Amino acid sequence: MGVIHRYKEQFDWEGVELSRYPPERDMEGVSVRRLIGPAEEAPNFALRYFEIEPGGWTSLDQHAHDHGVVIMRGRARVLLGEEEFDVGFGDVVYVPGNEVHQFKNVGDEPLGFFCIIPAM
């Protein structure tokens, strides 16, 4: 059976925990809400909502799975391979598998984005 997580406000949903993204990695000010994934018994994909505090960044990553990202608030500088791009509200980023990538908040408000990945 399907699951509904009702939107509350300020990028928060009922029944979805806010957690710091893996503290063992080199990143700063990153939190995540796992909206669809193993808890909802989704077999094919996971949907997460990330927020990065002003001045924060995600880890420099490279892995086999690809990502689809939609920027919902704030401004970011995104590293894709060896190039950097500035993105903001409504921009969509595709990160292919095995491409080096990183998101940095370059604004003075939280950077928020949806990220979809294959089920892990």
Protein backbone atom coordinates (compact mmCIF):
# COMPACT_ATOMS: atom_id res chain seq x y z
CA MET A 1 0.00 0.00 0.00
CA GLY A 2 1.16 3.52 -0.72
CA VAL A 3 2.29 6.05 1.87
CA ILE A 4 1.54 9.76 2.20
CA HIS A 5 3.80 12.15 4.09
CA ARG A 6 1.79 15.37 4.36
CA TYR A 7 3.68 18.62 3.96
CA LYS A 8 3.67 20.68 7.17
CA GLU A 9 5.68 23.82 6.41
CA GLN A 10 9.23 25.02 5.88
CA PHE A 11 10.25 21.89 3.99
CA ASP A 12 9.06 19.50 6.68
CA TRP A 13 6.77 16.48 6.28
CA GLU A 14 4.69 14.41 8.70
CA GLY A 15 6.29 11.11 9.62
CA VAL A 16 9.71 12.05 8.21
CA GLU A 17 12.70 12.47 10.52
CA LEU A 18 15.30 15.18 10.12
CA SER A 19 18.80 13.77 10.46
CA ARG A 20 22.33 14.98 9.95
CA TYR A 21 23.85 13.50 6.86
CA PRO A 22 26.65 11.00 7.57
CA PRO A 23 28.89 12.68 10.15
CA GLU A 24 31.87 10.47 9.27
CA ARG A 25 32.30 12.26 5.92
CA ASP A 26 33.93 15.62 5.18
CA MET A 27 30.89 17.87 4.94
CA GLU A 28 29.45 20.80 6.84
CA GLY A 29 25.89 21.78 7.77
CA VAL A 30 24.06 19.06 5.81
CA SER A 31 20.74 17.53 6.91
CA VAL A 32 18.40 15.13 5.13
CA ARG A 33 14.79 14.01 5.22
CA ARG A 34 14.24 10.61 3.62
CA LEU A 35 10.84 11.01 1.97
CA ILE A 36 10.58 7.75 0.00
CA GLY A 37 12.81 4.73 0.47
CA PRO A 38 13.11 1.52 2.47
CA ALA A 39 10.68 2.69 5.20
CA GLU A 40 7.98 3.04 2.52
CA GLU A 41 9.06 -0.26 0.93
CA ALA A 42 9.94 1.50 -2.35
CA PRO A 43 11.77 -1.12 -4.45
CA ASN A 44 13.15 1.06 -7.26
CA PHE A 45 14.17 4.50 -6.00
CA ALA A 46 14.71 6.77 -3.00
CA LEU A 47 13.64 10.42 -2.73
CA ARG A 48 15.40 12.64 -0.22
CA TYR A 49 15.23 16.32 0.68
CA PHE A 50 18.57 17.85 1.64
CA GLU A 51 19.30 21.18 3.30
CA ILE A 52 22.71 22.77 3.54
CA GLU A 53 23.27 25.67 5.92
CA PRO A 54 24.88 28.89 4.60
CA GLY A 55 28.58 28.24 4.09
CA GLY A 56 28.06 24.45 4.19
CA TRP A 57 28.85 21.75 1.65
CA THR A 58 28.31 18.08 0.86
CA SER A 59 31.20 15.65 0.70
CA LEU A 60 33.18 15.29 -2.49
CA ASP A 61 31.57 12.10 -3.81
CA GLN A 62 31.94 9.62 -6.63
CA HIS A 63 29.90 6.41 -6.83
CA ALA A 64 28.21 4.10 -9.32
CA HIS A 65 24.62 5.37 -9.03
CA ASP A 66 23.26 8.46 -10.73
CA HIS A 67 21.22 11.30 -9.14
CA GLY A 68 18.42 13.62 -10.19
CA VAL A 69 18.41 16.88 -8.20
CA VAL A 70 15.88 19.75 -8.17
CA ILE A 71 16.90 22.95 -6.37
CA MET A 72 13.99 24.22 -4.24
CA ARG A 73 15.58 27.11 -2.31
CA GLY A 74 18.84 28.99 -2.04
CA ARG A 75 21.86 29.11 -4.32
CA ALA A 76 24.54 26.49 -4.91
CA ARG A 77 27.81 25.98 -6.65
CA VAL A 78 27.82 22.43 -8.01
CA LEU A 79 30.95 20.55 -8.98
CA LEU A 80 30.35 18.05 -11.80
CA GLY A 81 33.54 16.33 -12.87
CA GLU A 82 36.06 19.15 -13.21
CA GLU A 83 33.55 21.98 -13.87
CA GLU A 84 31.59 24.17 -11.43
CA PHE A 85 28.14 25.59 -12.11
CA ASP A 86 25.98 28.09 -10.20
CA VAL A 87 22.38 26.95 -9.75
CA GLY A 88 19.25 28.21 -7.99
CA PHE A 89 15.52 27.68 -7.55
CA GLY A 90 13.95 25.43 -10.17
CA ASP A 91 17.24 24.31 -11.72
CA VAL A 92 17.61 20.58 -12.32
CA VAL A 93 20.96 18.79 -12.04
CA TYR A 94 21.73 15.32 -13.40
CA VAL A 95 24.76 13.60 -11.89
CA PRO A 96 25.78 10.52 -13.90
CA GLY A 97 27.18 7.45 -12.17
CA ASN A 98 30.89 7.64 -11.31
CA GLU A 99 31.08 11.41 -11.80
CA VAL A 100 32.80 13.42 -9.05
CA HIS A 101 30.26 15.82 -7.54
CA GLN A 102 29.71 18.22 -4.65
CA PHE A 103 27.11 20.85 -3.65
CA LYS A 104 28.14 24.04 -1.82
CA ASN A 105 25.75 26.63 -0.41
CA VAL A 106 26.92 30.00 -1.75
CA GLY A 107 23.96 32.03 -0.46
CA ASP A 108 22.88 33.49 2.86
CA GLU A 109 19.83 31.23 3.30
CA PRO A 110 19.55 27.44 3.48
CA LEU A 111 20.08 25.57 0.23
CA GLY A 112 17.35 22.96 -0.22
CA PHE A 113 16.99 20.31 -2.90
CA PHE A 114 15.19 17.10 -3.72
CA CYS A 115 17.46 14.23 -4.73
CA ILE A 116 16.31 10.99 -6.31
CA ILE A 117 18.57 7.94 -6.52
CA PRO A 118 18.10 4.24 -7.29
CA ALA A 119 17.02 2.05 -4.36
CA MET A 120 20.05 0.99 -2.37
